[in-house]
Protein backbone atom coordinates (compact mmCIF):
# COMPACT_ATOMS: atom_id res chain seq x y z
CA MET A 1 2.12 -19.88 -7.41
CA LEU A 2 3.08 -17.10 -9.73
CA ASP A 3 1.68 -14.05 -8.03
CA ASN A 4 -0.03 -11.11 -9.74
CA SER A 5 -2.30 -10.01 -6.90
CA VAL A 6 -3.06 -11.72 -3.62
CA SER A 7 -0.15 -13.66 -2.17
CA ARG A 8 3.53 -14.14 -2.71
CA ARG A 9 2.91 -17.87 -3.03
CA GLU A 10 -0.25 -17.85 -5.02
CA PHE A 11 -1.22 -16.69 -8.45
CA LEU A 12 -4.81 -15.47 -8.08
CA LYS A 13 -6.75 -13.71 -10.76
CA ALA A 14 -10.36 -12.66 -10.49
CA SER A 15 -11.26 -13.24 -14.11
CA ALA A 16 -8.86 -14.50 -16.75
CA MET A 17 -11.07 -15.51 -19.61
CA THR A 18 -9.85 -15.14 -23.12
CA ALA A 19 -10.20 -16.37 -26.54
CA ALA A 20 -10.81 -19.12 -28.96
CA GLY A 21 -9.27 -19.99 -32.27
CA GLY A 22 -6.89 -22.36 -33.93
CA GLY A 23 -3.14 -22.20 -34.00
CA ALA A 24 0.02 -24.00 -34.79
CA SER A 25 1.65 -26.08 -32.10
CA MET A 26 4.90 -27.94 -31.93
CA MET A 27 5.99 -29.73 -28.79
CA LEU A 28 9.24 -31.50 -28.03
CA ALA A 29 9.06 -33.81 -25.04
CA ALA A 30 12.42 -32.91 -23.56
CA CYS A 31 14.31 -30.02 -22.00
CA GLY A 32 15.92 -29.13 -25.29
CA GLY A 33 14.60 -29.13 -28.80
CA GLY A 34 15.56 -29.38 -32.42
CA GLU A 35 18.63 -28.20 -34.26
CA GLY A 36 18.83 -24.61 -35.42
CA GLU A 37 18.39 -25.18 -39.15
CA LYS A 38 17.23 -22.26 -41.23
CA SER A 39 13.69 -22.95 -42.36
CA GLY A 40 13.36 -23.43 -46.10
CA GLY A 41 17.13 -23.26 -46.51
CA SER A 42 17.16 -19.48 -46.04
CA ASP A 43 20.15 -17.67 -44.54
CA LYS A 44 17.95 -15.00 -42.98
CA LYS A 45 18.55 -14.39 -39.28
CA LYS A 46 15.75 -15.67 -37.11
CA ILE A 47 14.78 -12.90 -34.73
CA LEU A 48 11.66 -13.20 -32.59
CA ARG A 49 10.08 -10.04 -31.17
CA PHE A 50 7.91 -10.59 -28.11
CA GLY A 51 5.81 -8.06 -26.19
CA SER A 52 5.37 -8.29 -22.43
CA THR A 53 4.56 -6.41 -19.27
CA ASN A 54 7.55 -5.56 -17.09
CA SER A 55 7.06 -7.13 -13.68
CA LYS A 56 9.75 -4.83 -12.24
CA GLN A 57 10.91 -7.74 -10.07
CA GLY A 58 14.01 -8.58 -12.08
CA LEU A 59 15.01 -11.95 -13.50
CA ASP A 60 16.25 -13.76 -10.37
CA MET A 61 13.44 -16.26 -9.91
CA GLN A 62 14.29 -16.72 -6.27
CA ARG A 63 13.35 -13.08 -5.72
CA ALA A 64 10.62 -12.80 -8.37
CA ASN A 65 7.32 -14.65 -8.47
CA ASN A 66 5.50 -13.68 -11.63
CA SER A 67 4.93 -15.11 -15.08
CA GLN A 68 6.50 -12.14 -16.90
CA SER A 69 9.89 -12.57 -15.21
CA ALA A 70 9.68 -16.33 -15.67
CA ALA A 71 9.05 -16.01 -19.42
CA VAL A 72 12.46 -14.36 -19.81
CA ALA A 73 14.40 -16.15 -17.08
CA ASP A 74 13.32 -19.64 -18.15
CA SER A 75 15.11 -19.25 -21.48
CA ILE A 76 18.33 -18.32 -19.68
CA CYS A 77 18.29 -20.63 -16.66
CA GLU A 78 17.07 -24.20 -16.24
CA GLY A 79 16.10 -26.59 -13.49
CA LEU A 80 16.71 -30.25 -12.95
CA LEU A 81 13.37 -30.95 -14.63
CA ARG A 82 11.02 -28.96 -16.83
CA TRP A 83 7.29 -28.77 -17.47
CA THR A 84 6.56 -28.81 -21.20
CA GLU A 85 3.84 -26.86 -22.94
CA GLU A 86 1.84 -30.09 -22.82
CA ASN A 87 2.08 -29.99 -19.01
CA GLU A 88 4.34 -33.03 -19.02
CA LEU A 89 7.27 -33.24 -16.59
CA VAL A 90 10.50 -34.14 -18.43
CA PRO A 91 14.24 -34.24 -17.64
CA CYS A 92 16.31 -31.11 -18.16
CA LEU A 93 19.59 -30.86 -16.26
CA ALA A 94 18.86 -34.25 -14.69
CA LYS A 95 19.35 -37.34 -16.85
CA THR A 96 15.91 -38.72 -15.94
CA VAL A 97 12.86 -37.82 -13.89
CA PRO A 98 13.83 -39.34 -10.53
CA SER A 99 11.69 -41.50 -8.26
CA PHE A 100 11.67 -41.60 -4.49
CA GLU A 101 13.24 -44.47 -2.61
CA PRO A 102 10.80 -46.76 -0.72
CA ASP A 103 11.07 -44.53 2.37
CA GLY A 104 9.27 -41.77 0.44
CA ILE A 105 11.72 -39.07 1.53
CA THR A 106 14.97 -39.91 -0.29
CA LEU A 107 15.35 -38.69 -3.87
CA ASN A 108 18.52 -39.46 -5.79
CA VAL A 109 19.27 -37.27 -8.81
CA GLU A 110 21.87 -37.79 -11.53
CA LEU A 111 22.91 -34.75 -13.56
CA LYS A 112 23.74 -34.77 -17.24
CA SER A 113 27.48 -34.69 -17.84
CA GLY A 114 29.23 -31.89 -19.68
CA VAL A 115 26.48 -29.28 -19.38
CA LYS A 116 27.91 -25.79 -19.73
CA PHE A 117 26.80 -22.49 -18.29
CA HIS A 118 26.90 -19.47 -20.57
CA ASP A 119 30.20 -18.36 -19.00
CA GLY A 120 31.86 -21.61 -20.08
CA THR A 121 31.96 -23.25 -16.66
CA GLU A 122 30.56 -26.76 -16.28
CA LEU A 123 27.49 -27.63 -14.25
CA LYS A 124 28.32 -29.60 -11.11
CA ALA A 125 26.31 -30.92 -8.19
CA THR A 126 27.87 -28.20 -6.03
CA ASP A 127 26.01 -25.61 -8.11
CA VAL A 128 22.73 -27.35 -7.31
CA LYS A 129 23.51 -27.39 -3.61
CA TYR A 130 24.58 -23.76 -3.70
CA THR A 131 21.37 -22.74 -5.49
CA PHE A 132 19.06 -24.32 -2.94
CA GLU A 133 21.08 -23.06 0.02
CA ARG A 134 20.99 -19.55 -1.42
CA MET A 135 17.20 -19.88 -1.66
CA PHE A 136 16.90 -20.51 2.08
CA ARG A 137 19.33 -17.89 3.29
CA PRO A 138 17.28 -15.11 4.95
CA GLU A 139 19.34 -12.40 3.23
CA THR A 140 18.29 -13.68 -0.20
CA GLY A 141 14.66 -12.78 0.45
CA ALA A 142 13.35 -15.63 -1.69
CA LEU A 143 9.59 -15.37 -2.25
CA SER A 144 8.61 -18.95 -3.01
CA THR A 145 10.45 -21.10 -0.48
CA SER A 146 7.21 -22.83 0.54
CA PHE A 147 7.45 -25.09 -2.52
CA PHE A 148 10.77 -26.48 -1.24
CA SER A 149 10.50 -26.08 2.52
CA GLY A 150 10.01 -29.83 2.97
CA ILE A 151 13.74 -30.40 2.35
CA LYS A 152 15.37 -31.41 5.61
CA GLY A 153 17.09 -28.42 7.16
CA ALA A 154 15.24 -25.81 5.08
CA GLN A 155 13.29 -24.42 8.03
CA GLU A 156 16.47 -24.11 10.07
CA MET A 157 18.17 -22.15 7.30
CA LEU A 158 15.17 -19.86 6.92
CA ALA A 159 15.24 -19.24 10.66
CA GLY A 160 18.93 -18.42 10.53
CA THR A 161 19.91 -21.27 12.85
CA ALA A 162 21.75 -23.24 10.14
CA THR A 163 23.99 -22.24 7.26
CA GLU A 164 23.96 -25.54 5.36
CA LEU A 165 21.04 -27.49 3.89
CA GLU A 166 21.08 -30.82 5.68
CA GLY A 167 18.73 -32.48 3.21
CA LEU A 168 20.89 -32.00 0.11
CA SER A 169 24.01 -34.16 -0.04
CA ILE A 170 26.55 -34.57 -2.83
CA LYS A 171 28.19 -37.84 -3.84
CA ASP A 172 30.23 -36.53 -6.77
CA ASP A 173 30.00 -33.97 -9.59
CA THR A 174 26.87 -35.53 -11.12
CA HIS A 175 25.13 -37.31 -8.22
CA LEU A 176 23.19 -35.70 -5.39
CA THR A 177 20.43 -36.63 -2.97
CA PHE A 178 17.47 -34.70 -1.58
CA THR A 179 16.08 -35.81 1.78
CA LEU A 180 12.68 -34.56 2.89
CA THR A 181 11.25 -34.29 6.38
CA ALA A 182 8.11 -36.20 5.33
CA PRO A 183 6.88 -38.00 2.20
CA ASN A 184 5.67 -35.65 -0.52
CA MET A 185 5.51 -37.03 -4.04
CA ALA A 186 4.70 -33.57 -5.42
CA PHE A 187 8.24 -32.48 -4.58
CA ILE A 188 9.41 -34.05 -7.83
CA SER A 189 6.98 -31.78 -9.68
CA VAL A 190 8.30 -28.60 -8.09
CA LEU A 191 11.81 -29.38 -9.36
CA GLY A 192 10.45 -28.40 -12.78
CA ILE A 193 9.07 -24.94 -11.96
CA SER A 194 10.73 -21.59 -12.56
CA TYR A 195 11.70 -21.14 -8.90
CA ALA A 196 13.99 -24.20 -9.08
CA CYS A 197 16.37 -22.96 -11.80
CA ILE A 198 20.03 -23.71 -11.09
CA TYR A 199 22.65 -20.97 -10.82
CA PRO A 200 26.46 -21.20 -11.21
CA GLU A 201 27.93 -20.57 -7.80
CA ALA A 202 30.91 -18.46 -8.88
CA ALA A 203 28.98 -16.09 -11.15
CA CYS A 204 26.06 -15.71 -8.76
CA GLU A 205 28.32 -14.94 -5.80
CA ALA A 206 30.32 -12.45 -7.87
CA ALA A 207 27.15 -10.57 -8.84
CA GLY A 208 25.83 -10.51 -5.28
CA LYS A 209 22.66 -8.44 -4.93
CA ASN A 210 22.85 -7.50 -8.60
CA TRP A 211 22.06 -11.05 -9.70
CA GLY A 212 19.04 -10.93 -12.00
CA THR A 213 19.52 -7.28 -12.96
CA GLY A 214 21.24 -5.93 -16.05
CA THR A 215 23.12 -8.77 -17.69
CA ASN A 216 23.94 -10.40 -14.34
CA LEU A 217 22.21 -13.70 -15.02
CA VAL A 218 24.04 -16.79 -16.24
CA GLY A 219 22.40 -20.13 -16.85
CA THR A 220 22.49 -23.27 -18.95
CA GLY A 221 19.51 -22.35 -21.14
CA LYS A 222 19.13 -22.17 -24.90
CA TYR A 223 19.56 -18.40 -24.89
CA ARG A 224 22.03 -16.15 -23.09
CA LEU A 225 21.27 -12.71 -21.72
CA ALA A 226 22.93 -10.21 -24.08
CA GLU A 227 21.24 -6.91 -23.17
CA ASN A 228 18.88 -5.80 -20.41
CA ASP A 229 18.11 -2.27 -19.26
CA ASP A 230 15.64 -3.58 -16.63
CA THR A 231 13.03 -1.10 -17.86
CA THR A 232 12.20 -1.20 -21.55
CA ALA A 233 13.81 -4.17 -23.29
CA VAL A 234 15.78 -7.42 -23.10
CA LYS A 235 17.78 -9.15 -25.81
CA LEU A 236 18.65 -12.85 -25.76
CA THR A 237 21.06 -14.53 -28.17
CA ARG A 238 21.47 -18.19 -29.07
CA PHE A 239 23.81 -20.35 -26.97
CA ASP A 240 25.56 -22.59 -29.46
CA ASP A 241 27.01 -24.82 -26.72
CA TYR A 242 23.55 -25.68 -25.42
CA HIS A 243 23.57 -29.22 -24.05
CA ASP A 244 20.68 -30.44 -26.19
CA GLY A 245 21.62 -28.96 -29.55
CA ALA A 246 21.90 -25.47 -31.00
CA PRO A 247 18.72 -23.36 -30.59
CA ALA A 248 16.53 -22.51 -33.56
CA LEU A 249 16.44 -18.74 -33.08
CA ASP A 250 19.33 -16.32 -33.46
CA GLU A 251 17.84 -13.66 -31.20
CA ILE A 252 14.84 -13.00 -29.00
CA ARG A 253 13.95 -9.37 -28.42
CA ILE A 254 11.51 -8.69 -25.57
CA THR A 255 9.96 -5.23 -25.40
CA TYR A 256 8.12 -4.14 -22.27
CA TYR A 257 4.80 -2.30 -22.50
CA ASP A 258 2.94 -0.60 -19.66
CA ASP A 259 -0.32 -0.58 -21.60
CA ASP A 260 -1.98 -3.57 -23.27
CA ASN A 261 -3.57 -1.42 -25.98
CA THR A 262 -0.16 -0.07 -26.96
CA LYS A 263 1.27 -3.56 -27.05
CA LEU A 264 -1.49 -4.92 -29.30
CA LEU A 265 -1.20 -1.93 -31.61
CA ALA A 266 2.53 -2.65 -31.89
CA TYR A 267 1.67 -6.22 -32.84
CA LYS A 268 -0.88 -5.09 -35.40
CA ASN A 269 1.61 -2.61 -36.87
CA GLY A 270 4.20 -5.36 -37.35
CA ASP A 271 6.58 -4.39 -34.54
CA LEU A 272 5.96 -7.64 -32.61
CA ASP A 273 5.69 -11.26 -33.69
CA TRP A 274 4.03 -12.75 -30.60
CA CYS A 275 2.28 -11.51 -27.46
CA ASP A 276 -0.61 -12.33 -25.18
CA LEU A 277 -4.14 -11.11 -25.92
CA PRO A 278 -5.73 -9.96 -22.65
CA ALA A 279 -9.37 -10.77 -21.96
CA ALA A 280 -10.36 -7.11 -22.04
CA LEU A 281 -9.18 -6.80 -25.65
CA PHE A 282 -10.25 -10.16 -27.00
CA LYS A 283 -13.64 -9.07 -28.33
CA GLN A 284 -12.09 -6.11 -30.13
CA TYR A 285 -9.29 -8.03 -31.82
CA SER A 286 -11.25 -11.19 -32.57
CA GLY A 287 -13.51 -8.98 -34.68
CA ASP A 288 -10.56 -7.68 -36.68
CA ALA A 289 -10.58 -9.45 -40.06
CA ASP A 290 -6.81 -9.15 -40.36
CA LEU A 291 -6.06 -10.62 -36.93
CA LYS A 292 -8.74 -13.15 -36.05
CA ASP A 293 -6.88 -16.02 -37.74
CA GLN A 294 -3.76 -15.19 -35.70
CA ILE A 295 -5.50 -15.77 -32.36
CA THR A 296 -4.90 -19.00 -30.46
CA SER A 297 -6.74 -19.97 -27.29
CA TYR A 298 -5.40 -22.38 -24.72
CA PRO A 299 -6.70 -23.91 -21.49
CA THR A 300 -4.96 -22.96 -18.28
CA LEU A 301 -4.63 -24.85 -15.02
CA GLY A 302 -6.99 -22.32 -13.45
CA VAL A 303 -10.51 -22.37 -12.07
CA ASN A 304 -12.90 -19.45 -11.51
CA PHE A 305 -15.13 -20.13 -8.53
CA ILE A 306 -17.41 -18.86 -5.80
CA ASN A 307 -15.74 -19.15 -2.41
CA LEU A 308 -18.08 -20.00 0.47
CA ASN A 309 -17.23 -19.22 4.08
CA LEU A 310 -18.21 -22.26 6.13
CA LYS A 311 -17.91 -20.77 9.58
CA GLU A 312 -20.82 -21.78 11.81
CA ASP A 313 -22.44 -18.36 12.05
CA ASN A 314 -22.71 -17.43 8.38
CA GLY A 315 -25.79 -19.28 7.10
CA LEU A 316 -23.93 -21.65 4.75
CA THR A 317 -23.35 -24.62 7.04
CA ASP A 318 -26.29 -26.63 5.66
CA VAL A 319 -25.15 -28.58 2.60
CA ARG A 320 -28.64 -28.22 1.07
CA VAL A 321 -28.20 -24.44 1.02
CA ARG A 322 -24.83 -24.73 -0.69
CA GLN A 323 -26.25 -27.23 -3.18
CA ALA A 324 -29.12 -24.88 -3.91
CA LEU A 325 -26.70 -22.05 -4.64
CA SER A 326 -24.92 -24.34 -7.10
CA TYR A 327 -28.12 -25.41 -8.87
CA ALA A 328 -29.11 -21.76 -9.29
CA ILE A 329 -26.05 -20.96 -11.47
CA ASN A 330 -26.12 -21.56 -15.22
CA ARG A 331 -22.42 -22.22 -15.78
CA GLN A 332 -22.57 -22.80 -19.52
CA GLU A 333 -24.43 -19.54 -20.00
CA LEU A 334 -21.71 -17.81 -17.95
CA VAL A 335 -19.09 -19.20 -20.31
CA ASP A 336 -21.06 -18.24 -23.43
CA THR A 337 -21.91 -14.71 -22.34
CA PHE A 338 -19.73 -13.38 -19.57
CA ALA A 339 -16.59 -15.23 -20.74
CA ASN A 340 -17.30 -14.82 -24.47
CA GLY A 341 -16.98 -18.58 -24.89
CA ASN A 342 -13.45 -18.57 -23.49
CA GLY A 343 -13.82 -21.27 -20.91
CA ILE A 344 -15.17 -24.69 -20.01
CA ALA A 345 -18.12 -25.09 -17.63
CA CYS A 346 -16.97 -26.90 -14.51
CA SER A 347 -17.85 -30.43 -13.50
CA GLY A 348 -15.53 -30.31 -10.50
CA TRP A 349 -12.56 -28.39 -9.17
CA LEU A 350 -9.65 -30.08 -10.98
CA PRO A 351 -9.17 -28.93 -14.60
CA GLN A 352 -8.97 -31.49 -17.38
CA GLN A 353 -5.15 -31.44 -17.56
CA ILE A 354 -4.71 -32.38 -13.88
CA PRO A 355 -4.42 -36.06 -12.89
CA GLY A 356 -7.54 -36.74 -10.86
CA PHE A 357 -9.94 -34.97 -13.22
CA ASP A 358 -13.10 -37.09 -13.41
CA VAL A 359 -13.94 -37.62 -17.08
CA ASN A 360 -17.31 -39.10 -16.14
CA ALA A 361 -18.55 -36.23 -13.98
CA PRO A 362 -21.20 -34.09 -15.70
CA VAL A 363 -21.20 -30.31 -15.69
CA PHE A 364 -22.89 -29.04 -12.53
CA ALA A 365 -26.61 -28.96 -13.24
CA TYR A 366 -28.65 -25.78 -13.61
CA ASP A 367 -32.12 -26.15 -12.11
CA VAL A 368 -33.76 -23.15 -10.43
CA ASP A 369 -36.77 -25.19 -9.26
CA LYS A 370 -34.45 -27.71 -7.63
CA ALA A 371 -32.61 -24.86 -5.94
CA LYS A 372 -35.86 -23.48 -4.51
CA ALA A 373 -36.90 -26.93 -3.32
CA LEU A 374 -33.60 -27.50 -1.52
CA LEU A 375 -33.85 -24.14 0.24
CA ALA A 376 -37.40 -24.97 1.33
CA GLU A 377 -36.27 -28.38 2.54
CA ALA A 378 -33.57 -26.70 4.60
CA GLY A 379 -36.17 -24.35 6.09
CA VAL A 380 -34.49 -21.32 4.56
CA SER A 381 -36.47 -18.44 3.08
CA ASP A 382 -35.43 -14.97 2.03
CA LEU A 383 -31.73 -15.86 2.37
CA LYS A 384 -29.52 -12.78 2.36
CA LEU A 385 -25.79 -13.05 1.69
CA THR A 386 -22.96 -10.55 1.37
CA GLY A 387 -20.32 -10.82 -1.33
CA LYS A 388 -17.16 -8.73 -1.19
CA VAL A 389 -14.90 -8.60 -4.25
CA ARG A 390 -12.15 -6.63 -5.90
CA LYS A 391 -13.19 -4.37 -8.76
CA SER A 392 -11.86 -6.85 -11.33
CA SER A 393 -14.31 -9.50 -10.07
CA GLU A 394 -17.39 -7.31 -9.72
CA LYS A 395 -19.05 -8.19 -13.04
CA LEU A 396 -18.75 -11.91 -12.48
CA LEU A 397 -20.30 -11.74 -9.02
CA ILE A 398 -23.10 -9.52 -10.32
CA ALA A 399 -23.88 -12.23 -12.88
CA VAL A 400 -24.09 -14.76 -10.04
CA GLN A 401 -26.19 -12.28 -8.04
CA ASP A 402 -28.76 -12.32 -10.85
CA TYR A 403 -28.89 -16.12 -10.93
CA TRP A 404 -29.36 -16.38 -7.18
CA GLN A 405 -32.08 -13.73 -7.18
CA LYS A 406 -34.18 -16.00 -9.43
CA ALA A 407 -33.96 -18.69 -6.75
CA GLY A 408 -35.01 -16.28 -3.99
CA VAL A 409 -31.52 -15.56 -2.62
CA THR A 410 -30.38 -11.95 -2.21
CA LEU A 411 -26.68 -11.21 -2.64
CA ASP A 412 -25.35 -7.80 -1.64
CA VAL A 413 -22.26 -7.19 -3.82
CA GLN A 414 -19.67 -4.87 -2.29
CA VAL A 415 -16.44 -3.80 -3.99
CA GLU A 416 -13.33 -3.48 -1.83
CA ASP A 417 -9.90 -2.02 -2.46
CA ASN A 418 -7.40 -4.76 -3.31
CA ALA A 419 -5.45 -4.35 -0.07
CA VAL A 420 -8.61 -4.42 2.05
CA TRP A 421 -9.94 -7.47 0.20
CA ASN A 422 -6.63 -9.27 0.63
CA GLN A 423 -6.71 -8.69 4.36
CA ASP A 424 -10.37 -9.69 4.70
CA TRP A 425 -9.69 -12.81 2.64
CA ALA A 426 -6.76 -13.88 4.84
CA ASN A 427 -8.64 -13.05 8.04
CA GLY A 428 -11.68 -15.13 7.08
CA ASN A 429 -14.04 -12.14 6.87
CA LEU A 430 -15.52 -12.82 3.43
CA GLN A 431 -18.88 -14.61 3.45
CA ILE A 432 -19.01 -14.84 -0.35
CA THR A 433 -16.36 -13.88 -2.87
CA THR A 434 -15.24 -14.89 -6.34
CA LEU A 435 -11.75 -15.25 -7.73
CA GLY A 436 -9.56 -17.38 -9.92
CA TRP A 437 -7.03 -19.89 -8.65
CA TYR A 438 -4.19 -20.89 -10.97
CA ALA A 439 -1.96 -23.82 -10.10
CA LEU A 440 1.66 -23.55 -11.17
CA PHE A 441 1.98 -27.14 -12.32
CA ALA A 442 -0.22 -30.08 -13.20
CA ASP A 443 -0.54 -31.85 -9.86
CA GLY A 444 -3.57 -32.23 -7.62
CA SER A 445 -1.63 -31.11 -4.57
CA GLN A 446 -1.36 -27.59 -6.01
CA HIS A 447 -5.07 -27.39 -6.63
CA LEU A 448 -6.62 -29.14 -3.65
CA ASP A 449 -4.11 -29.15 -0.81
CA THR A 450 -3.05 -25.54 -1.25
CA TYR A 451 -6.58 -24.24 -0.96
CA PHE A 452 -8.80 -26.69 0.91
CA SER A 453 -6.76 -28.78 3.34
CA SER A 454 -7.93 -27.87 6.82
CA LYS A 455 -4.63 -26.15 7.67
CA ASN A 456 -4.84 -23.92 4.59
CA ALA A 457 -8.59 -23.30 4.30
CA VAL A 458 -8.60 -21.20 7.47
CA LYS A 459 -6.38 -18.67 5.70
CA LYS A 460 -8.63 -18.29 2.68
CA SER A 461 -12.09 -17.41 4.03
CA SER A 462 -13.17 -21.00 3.42
CA PHE A 463 -12.77 -22.86 6.73
CA TYR A 464 -13.41 -26.18 5.04
CA ASN A 465 -12.49 -28.93 7.48
CA ASN A 466 -13.14 -32.56 6.62
CA ALA A 467 -11.02 -35.39 8.00
CA ASP A 468 -11.78 -37.66 5.04
CA PHE A 469 -10.73 -34.97 2.60
CA ASP A 470 -7.47 -34.40 4.49
CA LYS A 471 -6.87 -38.16 4.50
CA TYR A 472 -7.19 -38.35 0.70
CA LEU A 473 -4.59 -35.60 0.41
CA GLU A 474 -2.28 -37.21 2.93
CA ASP A 475 -2.50 -40.55 1.13
CA ALA A 476 -1.75 -38.85 -2.18
CA ARG A 477 1.36 -37.21 -0.74
CA LYS A 478 2.77 -40.64 0.11
CA GLU A 479 1.55 -42.59 -2.91
CA THR A 480 4.27 -43.46 -5.43
CA ASP A 481 1.85 -44.97 -7.96
CA LYS A 482 0.69 -42.04 -10.11
CA ASP A 483 -2.61 -43.72 -11.00
CA LYS A 484 -3.46 -44.28 -7.34
CA ARG A 485 -2.51 -40.70 -6.55
CA ALA A 486 -4.91 -39.54 -9.26
CA GLU A 487 -7.68 -41.65 -7.71
CA ASP A 488 -7.07 -40.03 -4.32
CA TYR A 489 -7.38 -36.57 -5.87
CA LYS A 490 -10.49 -37.59 -7.78
CA ALA A 491 -12.08 -38.79 -4.55
CA ALA A 492 -11.10 -35.59 -2.77
CA ASP A 493 -12.58 -33.47 -5.57
CA ASN A 494 -15.80 -35.48 -5.51
CA LEU A 495 -16.15 -35.01 -1.76
CA LEU A 496 -15.36 -31.30 -1.89
CA THR A 497 -17.48 -30.21 -4.84
CA ARG A 498 -20.02 -32.90 -5.70
CA THR A 499 -20.94 -34.19 -2.24
CA GLU A 500 -20.43 -31.31 0.16
CA TYR A 501 -20.59 -28.38 -2.27
CA ALA A 502 -18.00 -26.70 -0.04
CA THR A 503 -16.98 -24.46 -2.94
CA LEU A 504 -18.72 -23.66 -6.21
CA PRO A 505 -16.45 -24.01 -9.28
CA LEU A 506 -17.85 -21.99 -12.20
CA PHE A 507 -15.62 -22.49 -15.23
CA TRP A 508 -12.08 -23.32 -16.23
CA PRO A 509 -10.83 -20.20 -18.05
CA LYS A 510 -8.93 -20.07 -21.31
CA ASN A 511 -6.31 -17.48 -22.20
CA SER A 512 -5.20 -16.44 -25.67
CA PHE A 513 -2.34 -14.99 -27.67
CA VAL A 514 -1.65 -13.61 -31.14
CA ALA A 515 1.23 -14.85 -33.29
CA LYS A 516 2.33 -14.12 -36.85
CA SER A 517 2.05 -16.89 -39.43
CA TYR A 518 5.83 -17.39 -39.59
CA VAL A 519 6.13 -18.07 -35.84
CA LYS A 520 6.22 -21.84 -35.50
CA GLY A 521 5.65 -23.73 -32.28
CA ALA A 522 3.85 -20.92 -30.44
CA LYS A 523 2.12 -22.59 -27.53
CA VAL A 524 1.50 -21.90 -23.85
CA GLY A 525 1.08 -24.77 -21.41
CA ASN A 526 0.05 -22.72 -18.40
CA LEU A 527 0.40 -18.93 -18.13
CA ILE A 528 4.16 -18.63 -18.81
CA TYR A 529 5.23 -17.80 -22.37
CA HIS A 530 8.24 -19.94 -23.27
CA PHE A 531 10.58 -19.75 -26.25
CA PHE A 532 11.98 -23.30 -25.94
CA ASP A 533 10.37 -24.79 -29.02
CA LEU A 534 9.82 -21.71 -31.14
CA ASP A 535 11.13 -21.39 -34.66
CA ILE A 536 10.67 -18.90 -37.49
CA ASP A 537 9.84 -19.91 -41.02
CA THR A 538 12.07 -17.54 -42.95
CA SER A 539 10.53 -18.70 -46.23
CA ASP A 540 7.23 -17.12 -45.19
CA ALA A 541 6.77 -13.99 -47.28
CA GLU A 542 5.44 -12.15 -44.23
CA TYR A 543 8.73 -12.51 -42.36
CA LYS A 544 11.14 -9.60 -42.57
CA VAL A 545 14.39 -9.54 -40.63
CA PRO A 546 14.01 -6.70 -38.10
CA GLU A 547 16.41 -3.83 -38.32
CA ASP A 548 18.94 -3.45 -35.51
């Protein structure tokens, strides 16, 4: 997961609800894109100005784990595969999306021939092997090795007992093989995330610890790193030798802002062409007559939910109590009011873009009388619960507190410092809490296994433990047929949320951005802003070439 708060592996946000509106979209189902023709026959330079927060983690995605770094780094460096803005996995440096051999652990990959890095060297299988071995060297300090730790020999390298990755072998310059310790079909998916970008061995070794700082980052991407002061701004320029055709843009200028208000004012004043619109500012800017038509909303792979601690001594072990708590929540009203319409009321855990989403499942019902009846049936009266949250989640839990009060359940809402909450969460000390979970890619393993498998649930104040649920996940890990995998995840979701009510999904949040009319192809698949398919219509009267 891209991490902005809780864990180095997980991207958790307490409330990430933003806006609605139309918007242009242009997707190309491949690693590359179209040719760099000047729109409308104009000779104007195409310069995109983007506003972002500075993660202060640098651009080496082995040592960074946030969406802001990835937005820049993904234009410079590429992986074997890539997730499109339609959440489709497509080839990038690999010729095709590979499939496992019948043993479920052997994955053969063929690289494209003639792919060049920005320094003019040619991509070879040795660069791929070097990249993954660098990831597992303890001195690298990579933050997201868990996604790839199933490669044979990875654990030994992390422990410092091996210096070579046993599970990555090279046949020749364009053919290599991954070998896993156990079947895991989701491994193919992780080859398309930001943490799997491939580095040129010679340049990376020469830069040493400076890799990812200044202009010390070389990749195969559409844009090369021209300027970077690590603090205020980055400039990317087109790479004309890009392996899938010359890029559309001449330059991309990224300016870092510490304050969202300042960033949005810069956009409004014409100093930026594209940037995100945070939830806190959506109401303000959606009411601006000059800007409301420039707002685009998009669904994420996230879910906002109430986490229930299922330890035996906490009063939530009876499924009728958990079901009652679910019936007492009006999810659609939460979306309409609390989230300003920027979300979709949940019918399960898996969002609509994830294989395994049940199109036939209705939104969880709201019925206060049914909630009261279930509590009475369970012999529970005057139920008192304690909810601990970070400040950013307080308002959402207070809304739930009000719903539960109408069903006769008292919820004491307590706000904790982020560090204290994080520790309580990991130690299993939270009876009730609310947060947002955002998967990094569109696969059920990210959503269900990461949070609710018995081995992981103990670390997240959940303690869910169901052998049938674990079996669905285990079967899905081994299943090569994508439709059957989806059925396993659907069954797991049904058991978790619609049978056992072991967690209470509230709504799938939407995020939003603002883009000028001349920015073509602005789209976000899931949290990370990419420039792959962007173009600028230079014939648009609003477009002015920025001054140097």
